[in-house]
Structures are given as structure tokens and as C-alpha cells.
Amino acid sequence: MLRPSIFTHNNNLFDDFFGDDFFAPARHPNGGAAIMHTDIRETEEGYIIDMELPGFTKEDVEAELNDGYLTVRAEHKTEKDEKDKEGHYIRKERYYGNFARSFYVGEAVTQEDIKAAFKDGILTLNVPKKEKEEKPEEKKLISIE
């Protein structure tokens, strides 16, 4: 029986009403949080980025380099159906997740410089340290007539 909290040891009247999973924070279908947890380690040669993507496959993930920004996108779609013996739906759920994170890696880094691997729900990106080469300023003389 559902009783308001004032009759129990709880001090919050709304605990019984808002304790349902419906009000829980959004979660990934596998039960994990729907966030791209990221660890970045610095080495002498560059940076190693480890990004957790549980429940995603390699085909769900895309990495792009544009104007010095490395952007990782992950998109996942899932549908779950539960039917009774007569084939009527008793529950039908859809999940769609689209996540993205961007990191500034510098304009000297090219697409070919970055190495990526995906294994067991972890995307690992190796990004080298590169300094933008300064070109010496050239004198451009204007001819005078």
C-alpha cells in the first residue's frame, strides 16, 4: 500500500511519489550512465585519450578533426518489445543516444597523425604533440612605377 511519508520515519512527503525509476537520471540501456567518461594522459610524445563508450560498437563511433578540434561522436539506437501470448504489447521502449565531445589538439595536428582504436567499449586516441611551424615573414616589395 502506498502511504505518504508522514506516516513513516521519512521526513520527505514526496519520497513515495518520486522514488520510482521513472524519475531517475537518464541512463544508458546497459545500466551505465549516459556520459562519455574521458581520461587524458600526457606522454613525452603526445596525449592518450581513453573514452568510455559502454554499449556502443565501433560502427556507432565517429572521430573528426576540424580546425584543430578533435570531435568524437557516438550514436546508438535500441528498441525493446515485450508482448504477451496473444502478441499484444505489454511494454515497448525506444532508446536513442547521441553524444559528442570536442578537444582542442592544435592546428598543426593532422588527421593522419591521430591513431584510434576501439576495444571492449573503450575508444583510445593517440594524439601527438606538434607545434605549429612559424614561417619566416617574407618581404613583399611593391614595385614603384
C-alpha atoms as a PDB file:
ATOM      1  CA  MET A   1       0.000   0.000   0.000  1.00  0.00           C
ATOM      2  CA  LEU A   2       1.269   3.441  -0.872  1.00  0.00           C
ATOM      3  CA  ARG A   3       1.305   5.656   2.220  1.00  0.00           C
ATOM      4  CA  PRO A   4       2.576   9.213   2.350  1.00  0.00           C
ATOM      5  CA  SER A   5       5.898   9.558   4.098  1.00  0.00           C
ATOM      6  CA  ILE A   6       4.424  11.452   7.029  1.00  0.00           C
ATOM      7  CA  PHE A   7       3.284   8.068   8.416  1.00  0.00           C
ATOM      8  CA  THR A   8       6.757   6.561   8.225  1.00  0.00           C
ATOM      9  CA  HIS A   9      10.174   7.527   9.548  1.00  0.00           C
ATOM     10  CA  ASN A  10      10.923   9.527   6.402  1.00  0.00           C
ATOM     11  CA  ASN A  11      10.622  13.268   6.673  1.00  0.00           C
ATOM     12  CA  ASN A  12      10.005  13.865   2.971  1.00  0.00           C
ATOM     13  CA  LEU A  13       6.370  13.654   1.841  1.00  0.00           C
ATOM     14  CA  PHE A  14       7.368  13.165  -1.811  1.00  0.00           C
ATOM     15  CA  ASP A  15       9.707  10.173  -1.359  1.00  0.00           C
ATOM     16  CA  ASP A  16       6.943   7.678  -2.137  1.00  0.00           C
ATOM     17  CA  PHE A  17       5.802   9.545  -5.216  1.00  0.00           C
ATOM     18  CA  PHE A  18       9.173  10.387  -6.746  1.00  0.00           C
ATOM     19  CA  GLY A  19      11.103   7.257  -5.741  1.00  0.00           C
ATOM     20  CA  ASP A  20      10.059   5.450  -8.911  1.00  0.00           C
ATOM     21  CA  ASP A  21      12.675   4.706 -11.603  1.00  0.00           C
ATOM     22  CA  PHE A  22      10.742   6.988 -13.946  1.00  0.00           C
ATOM     23  CA  PHE A  23      12.286   9.983 -12.178  1.00  0.00           C
ATOM     24  CA  ALA A  24      15.832   8.591 -12.096  1.00  0.00           C
ATOM     25  CA  PRO A  25      18.524  10.334 -14.180  1.00  0.00           C
ATOM     26  CA  ALA A  26      18.813   9.222 -17.802  1.00  0.00           C
ATOM     27  CA  ARG A  27      20.830   6.030 -18.105  1.00  0.00           C
ATOM     28  CA  HIS A  28      22.275   4.062 -20.988  1.00  0.00           C
ATOM     29  CA  PRO A  29      20.308   0.834 -21.780  1.00  0.00           C
ATOM     30  CA  ASN A  30      23.100  -1.299 -20.328  1.00  0.00           C
ATOM     31  CA  GLY A  31      22.576   0.402 -16.956  1.00  0.00           C
ATOM     32  CA  GLY A  32      25.601   2.728 -17.079  1.00  0.00           C
ATOM     33  CA  ALA A  33      25.486   6.478 -17.021  1.00  0.00           C
ATOM     34  CA  ALA A  34      24.926   8.058 -20.411  1.00  0.00           C
ATOM     35  CA  ILE A  35      28.126  10.097 -20.371  1.00  0.00           C
ATOM     36  CA  MET A  36      31.385   9.774 -22.296  1.00  0.00           C
ATOM     37  CA  HIS A  37      33.782   9.455 -19.349  1.00  0.00           C
ATOM     38  CA  THR A  38      37.225  10.504 -20.560  1.00  0.00           C
ATOM     39  CA  ASP A  39      40.761  10.119 -19.215  1.00  0.00           C
ATOM     40  CA  ILE A  40      43.618  12.075 -20.812  1.00  0.00           C
ATOM     41  CA  ARG A  41      47.224  11.116 -20.135  1.00  0.00           C
ATOM     42  CA  GLU A  42      50.248  13.123 -21.235  1.00  0.00           C
ATOM     43  CA  THR A  43      53.356  11.363 -22.519  1.00  0.00           C
ATOM     44  CA  GLU A  44      56.575  12.776 -23.918  1.00  0.00           C
ATOM     45  CA  GLU A  45      55.318  12.194 -27.468  1.00  0.00           C
ATOM     46  CA  GLY A  46      51.730  13.352 -27.042  1.00  0.00           C
ATOM     47  CA  TYR A  47      48.425  12.609 -25.358  1.00  0.00           C
ATOM     48  CA  ILE A  48      46.460   9.395 -24.888  1.00  0.00           C
ATOM     49  CA  ILE A  49      42.703   9.868 -24.680  1.00  0.00           C
ATOM     50  CA  ASP A  50      40.656   6.961 -23.285  1.00  0.00           C
ATOM     51  CA  MET A  51      36.913   7.426 -23.667  1.00  0.00           C
ATOM     52  CA  GLU A  52      34.359   5.017 -22.174  1.00  0.00           C
ATOM     53  CA  LEU A  53      31.534   4.172 -24.571  1.00  0.00           C
ATOM     54  CA  PRO A  54      29.736   1.173 -22.998  1.00  0.00           C
ATOM     55  CA  GLY A  55      27.064  -0.399 -25.170  1.00  0.00           C
ATOM     56  CA  PHE A  56      28.401   1.231 -28.335  1.00  0.00           C
ATOM     57  CA  THR A  57      30.059  -0.569 -31.228  1.00  0.00           C
ATOM     58  CA  LYS A  58      32.877   0.628 -33.437  1.00  0.00           C
ATOM     59  CA  GLU A  59      30.301   1.472 -36.119  1.00  0.00           C
ATOM     60  CA  ASP A  60      28.443   3.763 -33.674  1.00  0.00           C
ATOM     61  CA  VAL A  61      31.519   5.961 -33.128  1.00  0.00           C
ATOM     62  CA  GLU A  62      32.985   8.696 -35.342  1.00  0.00           C
ATOM     63  CA  ALA A  63      36.067  10.873 -34.782  1.00  0.00           C
ATOM     64  CA  GLU A  64      36.686  14.036 -36.802  1.00  0.00           C
ATOM     65  CA  LEU A  65      39.441  16.650 -36.884  1.00  0.00           C
ATOM     66  CA  ASN A  66      38.460  20.139 -37.997  1.00  0.00           C
ATOM     67  CA  ASP A  67      40.306  23.466 -37.449  1.00  0.00           C
ATOM     68  CA  GLY A  68      42.416  21.990 -34.640  1.00  0.00           C
ATOM     69  CA  TYR A  69      39.439  20.478 -32.787  1.00  0.00           C
ATOM     70  CA  LEU A  70      39.113  16.713 -32.370  1.00  0.00           C
ATOM     71  CA  THR A  71      35.430  15.811 -32.052  1.00  0.00           C
ATOM     72  CA  VAL A  72      34.200  12.352 -31.064  1.00  0.00           C
ATOM     73  CA  ARG A  73      30.551  11.467 -31.688  1.00  0.00           C
ATOM     74  CA  ALA A  74      28.706   8.330 -30.640  1.00  0.00           C
ATOM     75  CA  GLU A  75      25.162   7.481 -31.695  1.00  0.00           C
ATOM     76  CA  HIS A  76      23.155   4.472 -30.584  1.00  0.00           C
ATOM     77  CA  LYS A  77      19.583   3.291 -31.214  1.00  0.00           C
ATOM     78  CA  THR A  78      17.810   0.453 -29.401  1.00  0.00           C
ATOM     79  CA  GLU A  79      14.246  -0.826 -29.398  1.00  0.00           C
ATOM     80  CA  LYS A  80      12.861  -3.325 -26.886  1.00  0.00           C
ATOM     81  CA  ASP A  81       9.481  -5.000 -27.265  1.00  0.00           C
ATOM     82  CA  GLU A  82       7.651  -7.203 -24.777  1.00  0.00           C
ATOM     83  CA  LYS A  83       4.465  -8.922 -25.935  1.00  0.00           C
ATOM     84  CA  ASP A  84       2.001 -11.189 -24.177  1.00  0.00           C
ATOM     85  CA  LYS A  85       0.919 -14.614 -25.530  1.00  0.00           C
ATOM     86  CA  GLU A  86      -1.612 -13.045 -27.909  1.00  0.00           C
ATOM     87  CA  GLY A  87       1.026 -10.754 -29.401  1.00  0.00           C
ATOM     88  CA  HIS A  88      -0.206  -7.557 -27.731  1.00  0.00           C
ATOM     89  CA  TYR A  89       2.397  -5.158 -26.477  1.00  0.00           C
ATOM     90  CA  ILE A  90       2.757  -5.036 -22.724  1.00  0.00           C
ATOM     91  CA  ARG A  91       5.817  -2.802 -22.981  1.00  0.00           C
ATOM     92  CA  LYS A  92       7.637  -1.114 -25.826  1.00  0.00           C
ATOM     93  CA  GLU A  93      10.691   1.050 -25.251  1.00  0.00           C
ATOM     94  CA  ARG A  94      12.919   3.034 -27.563  1.00  0.00           C
ATOM     95  CA  TYR A  95      16.292   4.465 -26.725  1.00  0.00           C
ATOM     96  CA  TYR A  96      18.262   6.930 -28.778  1.00  0.00           C
ATOM     97  CA  GLY A  97      21.522   8.388 -27.583  1.00  0.00           C
ATOM     98  CA  ASN A  98      23.694  10.917 -29.353  1.00  0.00           C
ATOM     99  CA  PHE A  99      26.797  12.128 -27.542  1.00  0.00           C
ATOM    100  CA  ALA A 100      29.720  14.332 -28.582  1.00  0.00           C
ATOM    101  CA  ARG A 101      32.893  15.697 -27.006  1.00  0.00           C
ATOM    102  CA  SER A 102      35.461  18.065 -28.510  1.00  0.00           C
ATOM    103  CA  PHE A 103      39.087  18.713 -27.602  1.00  0.00           C
ATOM    104  CA  TYR A 104      41.434  21.349 -28.960  1.00  0.00           C
ATOM    105  CA  VAL A 105      44.564  19.498 -30.191  1.00  0.00           C
ATOM    106  CA  GLY A 106      46.159  22.290 -32.208  1.00  0.00           C
ATOM    107  CA  GLU A 107      46.140  23.214 -35.859  1.00  0.00           C
ATOM    108  CA  ALA A 108      49.476  21.519 -36.527  1.00  0.00           C
ATOM    109  CA  VAL A 109      47.994  18.050 -35.885  1.00  0.00           C
ATOM    110  CA  THR A 110      46.662  16.336 -38.996  1.00  0.00           C
ATOM    111  CA  GLN A 111      44.146  13.535 -39.398  1.00  0.00           C
ATOM    112  CA  GLU A 112      46.954  11.131 -40.323  1.00  0.00           C
ATOM    113  CA  ASP A 113      48.811  11.919 -37.062  1.00  0.00           C
ATOM    114  CA  ILE A 114      45.983  10.651 -34.823  1.00  0.00           C
ATOM    115  CA  LYS A 115      45.761   6.896 -34.192  1.00  0.00           C
ATOM    116  CA  ALA A 116      42.474   5.434 -32.929  1.00  0.00           C
ATOM    117  CA  ALA A 117      41.429   2.017 -31.603  1.00  0.00           C
ATOM    118  CA  PHE A 118      38.137   0.727 -30.174  1.00  0.00           C
ATOM    119  CA  LYS A 119      38.113  -2.310 -27.877  1.00  0.00           C
ATOM    120  CA  ASP A 120      35.696  -3.500 -25.176  1.00  0.00           C
ATOM    121  CA  GLY A 121      33.732  -0.225 -25.149  1.00  0.00           C
ATOM    122  CA  ILE A 122      36.850   1.956 -24.820  1.00  0.00           C
ATOM    123  CA  LEU A 123      37.933   4.346 -27.569  1.00  0.00           C
ATOM    124  CA  THR A 124      41.662   5.108 -27.365  1.00  0.00           C
ATOM    125  CA  LEU A 125      43.069   8.050 -29.322  1.00  0.00           C
ATOM    126  CA  ASN A 126      46.807   8.786 -29.555  1.00  0.00           C
ATOM    127  CA  VAL A 127      47.387  12.446 -30.385  1.00  0.00           C
ATOM    128  CA  PRO A 128      50.971  13.632 -30.919  1.00  0.00           C
ATOM    129  CA  LYS A 129      52.322  16.909 -29.613  1.00  0.00           C
ATOM    130  CA  LYS A 130      53.051  19.174 -32.538  1.00  0.00           C
ATOM    131  CA  GLU A 131      53.986  22.807 -32.617  1.00  0.00           C
ATOM    132  CA  LYS A 132      52.746  24.951 -35.438  1.00  0.00           C
ATOM    133  CA  GLU A 133      55.698  25.822 -37.608  1.00  0.00           C
ATOM    134  CA  GLU A 134      56.267  29.524 -37.776  1.00  0.00           C
ATOM    135  CA  LYS A 135      57.097  30.624 -41.275  1.00  0.00           C
ATOM    136  CA  PRO A 136      59.553  33.488 -41.517  1.00  0.00           C
ATOM    137  CA  GLU A 137      57.883  36.598 -42.751  1.00  0.00           C
ATOM    138  CA  GLU A 138      58.790  37.303 -46.348  1.00  0.00           C
ATOM    139  CA  LYS A 139      59.328  40.800 -47.617  1.00  0.00           C
ATOM    140  CA  LYS A 140      56.942  41.546 -50.392  1.00  0.00           C
ATOM    141  CA  LEU A 141      58.124  44.586 -52.224  1.00  0.00           C
ATOM    142  CA  ILE A 142      55.762  46.641 -54.200  1.00  0.00           C
ATOM    143  CA  SER A 143      57.106  47.852 -57.456  1.00  0.00           C
ATOM    144  CA  ILE A 144      57.001  51.591 -57.886  1.00  0.00           C
ATOM    145  CA  GLU A 145      56.452  52.954 -61.372  1.00  0.00           C
END
